[in-house]
Amino acid sequence: MTDVNGSERELVVAVAQPRCVAYDVAENAVAHAEAARAARAPVVVFPELSLTGYELDAALVRPEDERLAPIVAACAETGAVALVGAAAGLLTSRPKVSNMCCVTSNTC
């Protein structure tokens, strides 16, 4: 990979699969945050639907959802980007299997 200064750098991507609880986004967000910290990588990728405990019929998760705060905090602490999977409804009320990118800002 070439960075913005034109220097060659290695991109490290971690794949993590924390234990998940069906329908419990808050608990799963804490587990994702712990896994992101433990990964010690600039990019951490999680499985699809892992935030909702692999339940597509769970309530939709939106980027501004306060339950995602632990993941955002972990990204802020580590400088990582976390790609988390959830049943999300960004442009529609119908759930879609989605990935959200959590970074060091206030939302995913």
C-alpha atoms as a PDB file:
ATOM      1  CA  MET A   1       0.000   0.000   0.000  1.00  0.00           C
ATOM      2  CA  THR A   2       1.200   3.534  -0.706  1.00  0.00           C
ATOM      3  CA  ASP A   3       0.389   6.199   1.884  1.00  0.00           C
ATOM      4  CA  VAL A   4      -0.465   9.845   1.176  1.00  0.00           C
ATOM      5  CA  ASN A   5       3.244  10.740   1.157  1.00  0.00           C
ATOM      6  CA  GLY A   6       4.036   8.129  -1.489  1.00  0.00           C
ATOM      7  CA  SER A   7       5.790   5.789   0.948  1.00  0.00           C
ATOM      8  CA  GLU A   8       5.222   2.068   0.751  1.00  0.00           C
ATOM      9  CA  ARG A   9       3.551   0.671   3.876  1.00  0.00           C
ATOM     10  CA  GLU A  10       2.059  -2.623   4.912  1.00  0.00           C
ATOM     11  CA  LEU A  11      -1.692  -2.616   5.610  1.00  0.00           C
ATOM     12  CA  VAL A  12      -2.626  -4.884   8.518  1.00  0.00           C
ATOM     13  CA  VAL A  13      -6.240  -6.056   8.640  1.00  0.00           C
ATOM     14  CA  ALA A  14      -7.536  -8.121  11.555  1.00  0.00           C
ATOM     15  CA  VAL A  15     -10.601 -10.325  11.435  1.00  0.00           C
ATOM     16  CA  ALA A  16     -12.419 -10.741  14.739  1.00  0.00           C
ATOM     17  CA  GLN A  17     -15.382 -12.792  15.858  1.00  0.00           C
ATOM     18  CA  PRO A  18     -16.473 -11.986  19.409  1.00  0.00           C
ATOM     19  CA  ARG A  19     -19.096 -13.976  21.279  1.00  0.00           C
ATOM     20  CA  CYS A  20     -22.470 -12.475  20.440  1.00  0.00           C
ATOM     21  CA  VAL A  21     -25.830 -12.459  22.195  1.00  0.00           C
ATOM     22  CA  ALA A  22     -28.966 -12.670  20.043  1.00  0.00           C
ATOM     23  CA  TYR A  23     -30.732  -9.293  19.743  1.00  0.00           C
ATOM     24  CA  ASP A  24     -28.443  -7.549  22.277  1.00  0.00           C
ATOM     25  CA  VAL A  25     -26.706  -4.777  20.355  1.00  0.00           C
ATOM     26  CA  ALA A  26     -25.444  -3.050  23.515  1.00  0.00           C
ATOM     27  CA  GLU A  27     -23.750  -6.184  24.867  1.00  0.00           C
ATOM     28  CA  ASN A  28     -22.415  -7.100  21.447  1.00  0.00           C
ATOM     29  CA  ALA A  29     -20.994  -3.596  20.983  1.00  0.00           C
ATOM     30  CA  VAL A  30     -19.001  -4.023  24.196  1.00  0.00           C
ATOM     31  CA  ALA A  31     -17.667  -7.370  22.923  1.00  0.00           C
ATOM     32  CA  HIS A  32     -16.773  -5.788  19.571  1.00  0.00           C
ATOM     33  CA  ALA A  33     -14.953  -2.953  21.346  1.00  0.00           C
ATOM     34  CA  GLU A  34     -12.911  -5.416  23.403  1.00  0.00           C
ATOM     35  CA  ALA A  35     -12.042  -7.382  20.264  1.00  0.00           C
ATOM     36  CA  ALA A  36     -11.036  -4.202  18.401  1.00  0.00           C
ATOM     37  CA  ARG A  37      -8.694  -3.241  21.239  1.00  0.00           C
ATOM     38  CA  ALA A  38      -7.209  -6.739  21.421  1.00  0.00           C
ATOM     39  CA  ALA A  39      -6.647  -6.905  17.657  1.00  0.00           C
ATOM     40  CA  ARG A  40      -4.030  -4.127  17.707  1.00  0.00           C
ATOM     41  CA  ALA A  41      -4.578  -3.510  14.002  1.00  0.00           C
ATOM     42  CA  PRO A  42      -5.517  -0.358  12.104  1.00  0.00           C
ATOM     43  CA  VAL A  43      -8.474  -2.130  10.458  1.00  0.00           C
ATOM     44  CA  VAL A  44     -10.681  -4.693  12.219  1.00  0.00           C
ATOM     45  CA  VAL A  45     -13.399  -6.534  10.305  1.00  0.00           C
ATOM     46  CA  PHE A  46     -16.305  -8.293  12.028  1.00  0.00           C
ATOM     47  CA  PRO A  47     -18.806 -10.827  10.580  1.00  0.00           C
ATOM     48  CA  GLU A  48     -22.090  -9.809   9.042  1.00  0.00           C
ATOM     49  CA  LEU A  49     -24.930  -9.430  11.566  1.00  0.00           C
ATOM     50  CA  SER A  50     -22.566  -9.804  14.513  1.00  0.00           C
ATOM     51  CA  LEU A  51     -23.899  -6.660  16.234  1.00  0.00           C
ATOM     52  CA  THR A  52     -27.422  -8.066  16.241  1.00  0.00           C
ATOM     53  CA  GLY A  53     -26.300 -11.514  17.319  1.00  0.00           C
ATOM     54  CA  TYR A  54     -26.787 -12.905  13.806  1.00  0.00           C
ATOM     55  CA  GLU A  55     -30.501 -12.049  13.859  1.00  0.00           C
ATOM     56  CA  LEU A  56     -31.769 -10.343  10.687  1.00  0.00           C
ATOM     57  CA  ASP A  57     -35.151  -9.639  12.298  1.00  0.00           C
ATOM     58  CA  ALA A  58     -33.555  -7.614  15.120  1.00  0.00           C
ATOM     59  CA  ALA A  59     -34.357  -3.923  15.440  1.00  0.00           C
ATOM     60  CA  LEU A  60     -32.459  -1.892  12.877  1.00  0.00           C
ATOM     61  CA  VAL A  61     -29.124  -0.407  13.853  1.00  0.00           C
ATOM     62  CA  ARG A  62     -28.355   3.049  12.530  1.00  0.00           C
ATOM     63  CA  PRO A  63     -24.932   4.767  12.512  1.00  0.00           C
ATOM     64  CA  GLU A  64     -25.960   7.279  15.189  1.00  0.00           C
ATOM     65  CA  ASP A  65     -27.178   4.534  17.579  1.00  0.00           C
ATOM     66  CA  GLU A  66     -25.861   5.300  21.086  1.00  0.00           C
ATOM     67  CA  ARG A  67     -25.330   1.582  21.732  1.00  0.00           C
ATOM     68  CA  LEU A  68     -22.362   1.753  19.334  1.00  0.00           C
ATOM     69  CA  ALA A  69     -20.463   4.166  21.624  1.00  0.00           C
ATOM     70  CA  PRO A  70     -18.134   1.455  23.016  1.00  0.00           C
ATOM     71  CA  ILE A  71     -16.927   0.633  19.504  1.00  0.00           C
ATOM     72  CA  VAL A  72     -16.401   4.298  18.629  1.00  0.00           C
ATOM     73  CA  ALA A  73     -14.482   4.758  21.896  1.00  0.00           C
ATOM     74  CA  ALA A  74     -12.274   1.741  21.156  1.00  0.00           C
ATOM     75  CA  CYS A  75     -11.513   3.134  17.702  1.00  0.00           C
ATOM     76  CA  ALA A  76     -10.662   6.521  19.199  1.00  0.00           C
ATOM     77  CA  GLU A  77      -8.321   4.902  21.743  1.00  0.00           C
ATOM     78  CA  THR A  78      -6.535   2.684  19.242  1.00  0.00           C
ATOM     79  CA  GLY A  79      -6.770   4.713  16.033  1.00  0.00           C
ATOM     80  CA  ALA A  80      -8.420   1.728  14.377  1.00  0.00           C
ATOM     81  CA  VAL A  81     -11.281   1.532  11.914  1.00  0.00           C
ATOM     82  CA  ALA A  82     -13.851  -1.154  12.731  1.00  0.00           C
ATOM     83  CA  LEU A  83     -16.141  -2.611  10.078  1.00  0.00           C
ATOM     84  CA  VAL A  84     -19.071  -4.036  12.020  1.00  0.00           C
ATOM     85  CA  GLY A  85     -21.960  -6.092  10.691  1.00  0.00           C
ATOM     86  CA  ALA A  86     -25.596  -5.482  11.545  1.00  0.00           C
ATOM     87  CA  ALA A  87     -29.126  -5.493  10.260  1.00  0.00           C
ATOM     88  CA  ALA A  88     -29.185  -1.855   9.214  1.00  0.00           C
ATOM     89  CA  GLY A  89     -31.739   0.359   7.554  1.00  0.00           C
ATOM     90  CA  LEU A  90     -29.823   3.325   6.250  1.00  0.00           C
ATOM     91  CA  LEU A  91     -31.989   4.313   3.304  1.00  0.00           C
ATOM     92  CA  THR A  92     -35.012   2.139   3.946  1.00  0.00           C
ATOM     93  CA  SER A  93     -37.020   0.697   6.796  1.00  0.00           C
ATOM     94  CA  ARG A  94     -36.378  -2.828   5.505  1.00  0.00           C
ATOM     95  CA  PRO A  95     -33.399  -4.469   7.174  1.00  0.00           C
ATOM     96  CA  LYS A  96     -30.382  -5.171   5.031  1.00  0.00           C
ATOM     97  CA  VAL A  97     -27.277  -7.106   5.915  1.00  0.00           C
ATOM     98  CA  SER A  98     -24.819  -4.249   6.201  1.00  0.00           C
ATOM     99  CA  ASN A  99     -21.385  -3.246   7.390  1.00  0.00           C
ATOM    100  CA  MET A 100     -20.856   0.028   9.182  1.00  0.00           C
ATOM    101  CA  CYS A 101     -17.504   1.732   9.445  1.00  0.00           C
ATOM    102  CA  CYS A 102     -16.758   2.937  12.972  1.00  0.00           C
ATOM    103  CA  VAL A 103     -13.986   5.459  13.308  1.00  0.00           C
ATOM    104  CA  THR A 104     -12.865   8.038  15.847  1.00  0.00           C
ATOM    105  CA  SER A 105     -15.864  10.328  15.339  1.00  0.00           C
ATOM    106  CA  ASN A 106     -19.120  10.318  17.302  1.00  0.00           C
ATOM    107  CA  THR A 107     -20.888   7.788  15.078  1.00  0.00           C
ATOM    108  CA  CYS A 108     -20.294   4.650  13.083  1.00  0.00           C
END
